Amino acid sequence: MSGAINFAHTEEQSLFRDSLRKFLHAASPTSRVRQMQTTESGFDPQLWARMNQELALPGIAIAESQGGSGFGWVELCIAAEETGYALTPSPFFASSVMAVAVLNTIAPNDPLLARLACGEVRAATALLEGPAGWQTECFTCRVNQHRAVGVKQFVIDGATADVLLVFAADAEGIGLYVLEEATAVERQPLTVIDPTRRLARVTFTGAPVRIAGTVSPAQFERIIDLCSIALANEMVGGISRLFDDTLAFTRLRVQFGRTIASFQAIKHRMAELLLQVELARSAAYYAAQAVDAGAANLSYVASLAKSTVSDAYIFTAQEAIQLHGGIGFTWDHDTQLWFKRAKSSEVLFGTSAWHRDRMIRHLEENSVAGGKRA
């Protein structure tokens, strides 16, 4: 490990989070989120342009030599947390998190990074081919003579991205390929529970691609780690929003001549929600810090964060609906937006059970390695 890990943000990082929250509160209210759900693209192009021009968010974790801001994963996770708090309809996670994590890990000098940093293009990552797509031997999408053939499932923003990053098998093993013209493939939007995060099935029938680099098992694991950690921080934003909205409602709702926040039973439930918020935040913040500190056990920390935050998000969403009473179960109330995001994020990059199994595997491997060294 190259540095100490802290649970708290610095003053500058806290100021960045506060300014970003104010910006998204004004530019991306829930009324705008609902409006974008009905559009074909699912995101707000004008908001995305402002996020680029005014905040330079697309290049936040891209090196300065590539035209980015040169910040670390902690700053990127702060931005992810605030987009999760506002449920911002934007390509941020697909393009500025996943695509950047992939290129930084496998091809840090690829010219596509400079185009992503300035917001010239939006990228999506065609990583999975099905529920068992974590292991490299499961890749059936193949590239032969720079032509891709196969199917990729659950591609975030895959139907609207300008560029696709494709993980595919080739003669050397697994390679990362870039499809510059995403319109050259069949892209089918999928019907999903969470319309604020669009997924697509992408079918390749000989589309021309260029090689960006070969993918080792360690690199593949790191990409899963980085994306899981960023997602965990985004989910913390959603948990915090549900807690804040629920607390405000209990202080406003009056029964028997007093606010329900004064009832002992409600106090206990809100205290439990606060505990879930703080546990989730600690796990997610620690994982983000671990990336920048060069932690050796990053996969363990990433799985710990993803499993902990996923469970906390589902619990908080369910409690928020119940504490809002009858209105919490309706389409017109905003709580259902974050509940659906909680359900979709729960399975993205692996369920809690999958990540706990992964943690156990890492513990066993480290135990065996430690025994051999002894």
Protein backbone atom coordinates (compact mmCIF):
# COMPACT_ATOMS: atom_id res chain seq x y z
CA MET A 1 0.00 0.00 0.00
CA SER A 2 1.43 3.35 -1.06
CA GLY A 3 -0.42 5.58 1.41
CA ALA A 4 -2.68 5.78 4.43
CA ILE A 5 -6.43 5.33 3.99
CA ASN A 6 -8.81 7.87 5.52
CA PHE A 7 -12.57 7.58 5.91
CA ALA A 8 -13.18 11.34 5.64
CA HIS A 9 -12.89 13.74 2.73
CA THR A 10 -10.57 16.72 2.77
CA GLU A 11 -11.95 20.25 2.98
CA GLU A 12 -11.45 20.74 -0.76
CA GLN A 13 -13.24 17.47 -1.54
CA SER A 14 -16.14 18.43 0.73
CA LEU A 15 -16.44 21.81 -1.01
CA PHE A 16 -16.47 20.04 -4.37
CA ARG A 17 -19.29 17.76 -3.18
CA ASP A 18 -21.31 20.70 -1.85
CA SER A 19 -20.97 22.71 -5.06
CA LEU A 20 -21.88 19.71 -7.18
CA ARG A 21 -24.96 19.00 -5.04
CA LYS A 22 -26.15 22.59 -5.44
CA PHE A 23 -25.60 22.44 -9.19
CA LEU A 24 -27.50 19.17 -9.65
CA HIS A 25 -30.29 20.26 -7.30
CA ALA A 26 -30.96 23.24 -9.55
CA ALA A 27 -30.26 21.60 -12.92
CA SER A 28 -31.68 18.12 -12.33
CA PRO A 29 -34.82 18.15 -10.13
CA THR A 30 -36.94 15.01 -9.97
CA SER A 31 -39.42 16.58 -12.37
CA ARG A 32 -36.64 16.61 -14.98
CA VAL A 33 -35.70 13.02 -14.11
CA ARG A 34 -39.28 11.93 -14.73
CA GLN A 35 -39.37 13.83 -18.00
CA MET A 36 -36.18 12.15 -19.25
CA GLN A 37 -37.64 8.71 -18.51
CA THR A 38 -40.05 9.20 -21.38
CA THR A 39 -37.40 10.13 -23.96
CA GLU A 40 -35.65 7.75 -26.32
CA SER A 41 -32.15 8.53 -25.06
CA GLY A 42 -33.04 8.59 -21.36
CA PHE A 43 -30.67 11.45 -20.55
CA ASP A 44 -30.57 15.23 -20.79
CA PRO A 45 -28.11 16.37 -23.52
CA GLN A 46 -28.19 19.97 -22.31
CA LEU A 47 -27.39 18.95 -18.75
CA TRP A 48 -24.57 16.70 -19.97
CA ALA A 49 -23.11 19.63 -21.92
CA ARG A 50 -23.25 21.81 -18.80
CA MET A 51 -21.64 19.07 -16.69
CA ASN A 52 -18.79 19.11 -19.21
CA GLN A 53 -18.44 22.85 -19.83
CA GLU A 54 -19.05 24.15 -16.30
CA LEU A 55 -17.75 21.29 -14.14
CA ALA A 56 -15.46 19.26 -16.45
CA LEU A 57 -16.93 16.06 -14.99
CA PRO A 58 -16.36 13.79 -18.03
CA GLY A 59 -12.59 14.04 -17.58
CA ILE A 60 -12.41 14.12 -13.80
CA ALA A 61 -10.42 10.86 -13.53
CA ILE A 62 -8.49 11.23 -16.80
CA ALA A 63 -4.84 12.27 -16.69
CA GLU A 64 -3.95 15.87 -17.48
CA SER A 65 -1.72 14.64 -20.29
CA GLN A 66 -4.89 13.36 -21.95
CA GLY A 67 -6.83 16.58 -21.42
CA GLY A 68 -8.51 15.52 -18.19
CA SER A 69 -8.51 17.01 -14.70
CA GLY A 70 -6.12 14.41 -13.31
CA PHE A 71 -8.05 13.74 -10.11
CA GLY A 72 -8.19 10.37 -8.35
CA TRP A 73 -10.92 7.81 -7.81
CA VAL A 74 -12.03 9.55 -4.62
CA GLU A 75 -13.05 12.68 -6.53
CA LEU A 76 -14.75 10.61 -9.20
CA CYS A 77 -16.68 8.72 -6.51
CA ILE A 78 -17.79 12.03 -4.97
CA ALA A 79 -19.26 12.96 -8.34
CA ALA A 80 -20.86 9.52 -8.60
CA GLU A 81 -22.37 9.93 -5.13
CA GLU A 82 -23.96 13.25 -6.06
CA THR A 83 -25.36 11.93 -9.34
CA GLY A 84 -26.89 9.12 -7.28
CA TYR A 85 -28.31 11.62 -4.79
CA ALA A 86 -30.01 13.58 -7.57
CA LEU A 87 -30.62 10.52 -9.78
CA THR A 88 -29.11 12.59 -12.58
CA PRO A 89 -30.12 11.41 -16.07
CA SER A 90 -26.72 11.52 -17.76
CA PRO A 91 -24.10 9.23 -19.39
CA PHE A 92 -21.73 9.88 -16.47
CA PHE A 93 -21.55 6.33 -15.13
CA ALA A 94 -21.23 4.61 -18.51
CA SER A 95 -18.82 7.07 -20.09
CA SER A 96 -16.92 8.79 -17.28
CA VAL A 97 -16.74 5.84 -14.86
CA MET A 98 -16.84 2.53 -16.72
CA ALA A 99 -15.15 3.55 -19.96
CA VAL A 100 -12.49 5.56 -18.11
CA ALA A 101 -11.84 2.69 -15.68
CA VAL A 102 -11.38 0.33 -18.63
CA LEU A 103 -9.04 2.61 -20.60
CA ASN A 104 -7.02 3.75 -17.57
CA THR A 105 -6.41 0.12 -16.69
CA ILE A 106 -5.74 -1.40 -20.11
CA ALA A 107 -4.85 1.43 -22.51
CA PRO A 108 -3.91 4.59 -20.57
CA ASN A 109 -2.45 6.24 -23.69
CA ASP A 110 -5.37 5.53 -26.01
CA PRO A 111 -6.47 8.67 -27.91
CA LEU A 112 -10.09 7.96 -27.03
CA LEU A 113 -9.40 9.21 -23.49
CA ALA A 114 -8.77 12.74 -24.75
CA ARG A 115 -12.06 12.68 -26.65
CA LEU A 116 -13.91 11.49 -23.55
CA ALA A 117 -12.23 14.15 -21.39
CA CYS A 118 -13.48 17.03 -23.52
CA GLY A 119 -16.96 15.55 -23.90
CA GLU A 120 -16.57 15.07 -27.64
CA VAL A 121 -17.96 11.53 -27.48
CA ARG A 122 -19.87 9.29 -25.07
CA ALA A 123 -18.67 5.73 -24.58
CA ALA A 124 -20.29 2.52 -23.37
CA THR A 125 -18.56 -0.69 -22.31
CA ALA A 126 -19.72 -4.00 -23.79
CA LEU A 127 -18.44 -6.22 -21.00
CA LEU A 128 -20.99 -8.91 -20.20
CA GLU A 129 -22.56 -11.69 -22.21
CA GLY A 130 -24.86 -13.10 -19.53
CA PRO A 131 -25.19 -13.68 -15.79
CA ALA A 132 -21.98 -15.75 -15.70
CA GLY A 133 -19.91 -13.21 -17.62
CA TRP A 134 -17.35 -12.48 -14.91
CA GLN A 135 -14.95 -15.28 -15.89
CA THR A 136 -12.82 -14.75 -19.01
CA GLU A 137 -13.61 -18.25 -20.28
CA CYS A 138 -17.23 -17.18 -20.63
CA PHE A 139 -16.48 -14.75 -23.45
CA THR A 140 -18.04 -16.03 -26.65
CA CYS A 141 -17.93 -12.69 -28.48
CA ARG A 142 -14.93 -13.04 -30.81
CA VAL A 143 -12.79 -10.86 -33.03
CA ASN A 144 -11.19 -12.22 -36.19
CA GLN A 145 -9.30 -10.01 -38.63
CA HIS A 146 -10.55 -6.92 -36.82
CA ARG A 147 -14.19 -7.95 -37.18
CA ALA A 148 -16.36 -8.56 -34.11
CA VAL A 149 -19.01 -11.26 -33.98
CA GLY A 150 -21.24 -12.08 -31.00
CA VAL A 151 -23.69 -10.64 -28.51
CA LYS A 152 -23.16 -8.49 -25.43
CA GLN A 153 -25.86 -8.18 -22.79
CA PHE A 154 -26.75 -5.44 -20.29
CA VAL A 155 -24.62 -2.70 -21.86
CA ILE A 156 -25.26 0.50 -19.90
CA ASP A 157 -26.22 3.26 -22.36
CA GLY A 158 -25.37 0.83 -25.13
CA ALA A 159 -28.21 2.05 -27.35
CA THR A 160 -27.14 5.71 -27.33
CA ALA A 161 -23.33 5.80 -26.94
CA ASP A 162 -21.12 7.13 -29.74
CA VAL A 163 -18.30 4.65 -29.12
CA LEU A 164 -18.29 1.08 -27.78
CA LEU A 165 -15.50 -0.58 -25.82
CA VAL A 166 -15.76 -4.30 -26.46
CA PHE A 167 -14.24 -7.16 -24.47
CA ALA A 168 -13.87 -10.08 -26.88
CA ALA A 169 -11.91 -13.28 -27.33
CA ASP A 170 -9.22 -13.36 -29.99
CA ALA A 171 -6.25 -15.48 -30.97
CA GLU A 172 -4.20 -14.11 -28.05
CA GLY A 173 -6.86 -14.50 -25.33
CA ILE A 174 -9.09 -11.59 -24.35
CA GLY A 175 -8.70 -8.21 -25.97
CA LEU A 176 -10.16 -4.76 -25.54
CA TYR A 177 -11.49 -3.45 -28.84
CA VAL A 178 -12.86 -0.05 -29.79
CA LEU A 179 -15.82 0.32 -32.13
CA GLU A 180 -15.67 3.92 -33.30
CA GLU A 181 -18.97 3.80 -35.16
CA ALA A 182 -21.46 2.36 -32.68
CA THR A 183 -24.20 2.59 -35.32
CA ALA A 184 -22.50 -0.25 -37.20
CA VAL A 185 -24.04 -2.82 -34.84
CA GLU A 186 -27.56 -3.82 -33.84
CA ARG A 187 -28.47 -2.16 -30.54
CA GLN A 188 -31.67 -3.25 -28.85
CA PRO A 189 -32.86 -1.36 -25.76
CA LEU A 190 -33.91 -3.73 -22.96
CA THR A 191 -37.02 -3.43 -20.83
CA VAL A 192 -35.71 -2.81 -17.32
CA ILE A 193 -37.13 -2.08 -13.89
CA ASP A 194 -35.19 1.18 -13.63
CA PRO A 195 -35.84 3.52 -16.59
CA THR A 196 -33.30 6.02 -15.23
CA ARG A 197 -30.49 3.62 -16.21
CA ARG A 198 -30.82 2.30 -19.74
CA LEU A 199 -29.46 -1.10 -20.73
CA ALA A 200 -29.12 -2.61 -24.20
CA ARG A 201 -28.30 -5.83 -26.00
CA VAL A 202 -25.61 -5.28 -28.63
CA THR A 203 -25.22 -7.74 -31.51
CA PHE A 204 -22.02 -7.74 -33.56
CA THR A 205 -22.17 -9.20 -37.06
CA GLY A 206 -18.72 -8.42 -38.41
CA ALA A 207 -18.43 -4.80 -37.23
CA PRO A 208 -14.93 -3.31 -37.80
CA VAL A 209 -13.02 -2.73 -34.55
CA ARG A 210 -9.51 -1.70 -33.56
CA ILE A 211 -7.46 -3.31 -30.82
CA ALA A 212 -6.74 -1.13 -27.77
CA GLY A 213 -4.90 -3.73 -25.72
CA THR A 214 -4.88 -7.24 -24.34
CA VAL A 215 -6.66 -7.99 -21.07
CA SER A 216 -5.05 -9.96 -18.27
CA PRO A 217 -7.07 -11.59 -15.45
CA ALA A 218 -5.64 -9.04 -13.00
CA GLN A 219 -6.74 -6.15 -15.20
CA PHE A 220 -10.19 -7.63 -15.57
CA GLU A 221 -10.49 -7.95 -11.79
CA ARG A 222 -9.35 -4.37 -11.31
CA ILE A 223 -11.99 -3.08 -13.71
CA ILE A 224 -14.68 -4.92 -11.77
CA ASP A 225 -13.24 -3.47 -8.56
CA LEU A 226 -13.19 0.13 -9.83
CA CYS A 227 -16.70 -0.04 -11.26
CA SER A 228 -18.09 -1.72 -8.14
CA ILE A 229 -16.53 0.94 -5.90
CA ALA A 230 -17.87 3.80 -8.01
CA LEU A 231 -21.30 2.16 -8.05
CA ALA A 232 -21.19 1.73 -4.25
CA ASN A 233 -20.54 5.45 -3.86
CA GLU A 234 -23.33 6.29 -6.28
CA MET A 235 -25.63 4.09 -4.21
CA VAL A 236 -24.58 5.93 -1.04
CA GLY A 237 -25.92 9.07 -2.68
CA GLY A 238 -29.27 7.36 -3.20
CA ILE A 239 -29.35 6.10 0.39
CA SER A 240 -28.61 9.59 1.68
CA ARG A 241 -31.38 11.09 -0.45
CA LEU A 242 -33.93 8.55 0.79
CA PHE A 243 -32.93 9.23 4.40
CA ASP A 244 -33.09 13.02 3.98
CA ASP A 245 -36.49 12.91 2.26
CA THR A 246 -37.93 10.48 4.80
CA LEU A 247 -36.68 12.50 7.76
CA ALA A 248 -38.18 15.66 6.27
CA PHE A 249 -41.51 13.88 5.75
CA THR A 250 -41.70 12.56 9.32
CA ARG A 251 -41.07 16.09 10.61
CA LEU A 252 -43.88 17.39 8.43
CA ARG A 253 -46.54 14.66 8.75
CA VAL A 254 -48.92 15.29 11.67
CA GLN A 255 -50.99 12.64 13.47
CA PHE A 256 -52.88 13.05 16.74
CA GLY A 257 -51.80 16.67 16.90
CA ARG A 258 -48.05 16.05 16.69
CA THR A 259 -45.48 15.24 14.02
CA ILE A 260 -44.82 11.54 13.57
CA ALA A 261 -41.09 12.24 14.03
CA SER A 262 -41.84 12.67 17.73
CA PHE A 263 -43.21 9.11 18.08
CA GLN A 264 -40.80 6.73 19.77
CA ALA A 265 -41.38 3.98 17.20
CA ILE A 266 -40.53 6.35 14.33
CA LYS A 267 -37.42 7.56 16.15
CA HIS A 268 -36.19 3.99 16.44
CA ARG A 269 -36.74 3.31 12.75
CA MET A 270 -35.05 6.54 11.71
CA ALA A 271 -32.12 5.72 13.97
CA GLU A 272 -31.78 2.36 12.21
CA LEU A 273 -31.87 4.11 8.85
CA LEU A 274 -29.15 6.51 9.97
CA LEU A 275 -27.04 3.55 11.04
CA GLN A 276 -27.44 2.01 7.57
CA VAL A 277 -26.47 5.32 5.94
CA GLU A 278 -23.30 5.64 7.99
CA LEU A 279 -22.28 2.00 7.55
CA ALA A 280 -22.76 2.24 3.80
CA ARG A 281 -20.92 5.56 3.58
CA SER A 282 -17.96 4.24 5.59
CA ALA A 283 -17.60 1.16 3.40
CA ALA A 284 -17.88 3.12 0.15
CA TYR A 285 -15.57 5.96 1.18
CA TYR A 286 -12.97 3.51 2.47
CA ALA A 287 -13.03 1.61 -0.83
CA ALA A 288 -12.58 4.81 -2.87
CA GLN A 289 -9.66 5.83 -0.68
CA ALA A 290 -8.18 2.35 -1.08
CA VAL A 291 -7.96 2.82 -4.86
CA ASP A 292 -5.90 6.00 -4.61
CA ALA A 293 -3.80 4.56 -1.78
CA GLY A 294 -2.84 1.54 -3.89
CA ALA A 295 -4.29 -1.02 -1.49
CA ALA A 296 -3.13 -4.57 -2.17
CA ASN A 297 -6.46 -6.11 -1.13
CA LEU A 298 -8.58 -3.92 -3.42
CA SER A 299 -10.82 -6.76 -4.61
CA TYR A 300 -11.74 -7.65 -1.04
CA VAL A 301 -12.45 -4.01 -0.18
CA ALA A 302 -14.49 -3.50 -3.38
CA SER A 303 -16.66 -6.54 -2.69
CA LEU A 304 -17.10 -5.49 0.93
CA ALA A 305 -18.32 -2.07 -0.20
CA LYS A 306 -20.61 -3.36 -2.93
CA SER A 307 -22.29 -6.01 -0.76
CA THR A 308 -22.68 -3.72 2.27
CA VAL A 309 -24.06 -0.78 0.32
CA SER A 310 -26.40 -2.93 -1.80
CA ASP A 311 -28.07 -4.37 1.27
CA ALA A 312 -28.28 -0.95 2.92
CA TYR A 313 -29.83 0.62 -0.18
CA ILE A 314 -32.57 -2.01 -0.44
CA PHE A 315 -33.32 -1.79 3.29
CA THR A 316 -33.44 2.01 3.23
CA ALA A 317 -35.68 2.10 0.15
CA GLN A 318 -38.14 -0.34 1.68
CA GLU A 319 -38.23 1.55 4.98
CA ALA A 320 -38.63 4.88 3.19
CA ILE A 321 -41.68 3.62 1.33
CA GLN A 322 -43.28 2.33 4.53
CA LEU A 323 -42.49 5.45 6.57
CA HIS A 324 -44.10 7.62 3.91
CA GLY A 325 -47.34 5.72 4.50
CA GLY A 326 -49.89 5.25 1.71
CA ILE A 327 -48.38 7.92 -0.53
CA GLY A 328 -45.04 6.09 -0.53
CA PHE A 329 -46.53 3.26 -2.57
CA THR A 330 -47.77 5.49 -5.37
CA TRP A 331 -46.27 6.26 -8.77
CA ASP A 332 -46.67 10.00 -8.16
CA HIS A 333 -44.31 9.97 -5.18
CA ASP A 334 -40.58 10.19 -5.90
CA THR A 335 -39.53 7.43 -3.49
CA GLN A 336 -40.25 4.79 -6.12
CA LEU A 337 -37.53 6.29 -8.37
CA TRP A 338 -34.80 5.50 -5.86
CA PHE A 339 -36.35 2.14 -4.96
CA LYS A 340 -36.06 1.06 -8.60
CA ARG A 341 -32.49 2.32 -8.77
CA ALA A 342 -31.73 0.33 -5.61
CA LYS A 343 -33.09 -2.85 -7.20
CA SER A 344 -31.18 -2.38 -10.45
CA SER A 345 -27.92 -1.47 -8.70
CA GLU A 346 -28.25 -4.47 -6.39
CA VAL A 347 -27.44 -6.87 -9.24
CA LEU A 348 -25.13 -4.67 -11.31
CA PHE A 349 -21.54 -6.00 -11.20
CA GLY A 350 -22.68 -8.88 -9.00
CA THR A 351 -25.17 -9.43 -6.22
CA SER A 352 -24.32 -9.18 -2.52
CA ALA A 353 -24.08 -12.97 -2.35
CA TRP A 354 -21.67 -13.06 -5.29
CA HIS A 355 -19.44 -10.42 -3.71
CA ARG A 356 -19.43 -12.15 -0.34
CA ASP A 357 -18.35 -15.37 -2.04
CA ARG A 358 -15.63 -13.35 -3.75
CA MET A 359 -14.47 -11.99 -0.40
CA ILE A 360 -14.23 -15.51 0.99
CA ARG A 361 -12.21 -16.64 -2.02
CA HIS A 362 -9.75 -13.79 -1.53
CA LEU A 363 -9.41 -14.59 2.17
CA GLU A 364 -8.74 -18.25 1.36
CA GLU A 365 -6.18 -17.34 -1.30
CA ASN A 366 -4.38 -14.97 1.04
CA SER A 367 -4.43 -17.57 3.80
CA VAL A 368 -2.90 -20.19 1.54
CA ALA A 369 -0.30 -17.72 0.24
CA GLY A 370 0.54 -16.68 3.80
CA GLY A 371 0.95 -20.29 4.84
CA LYS A 372 3.36 -20.95 1.99
CA ARG A 373 5.45 -17.90 2.88
CA ALA A 374 5.62 -19.02 6.50
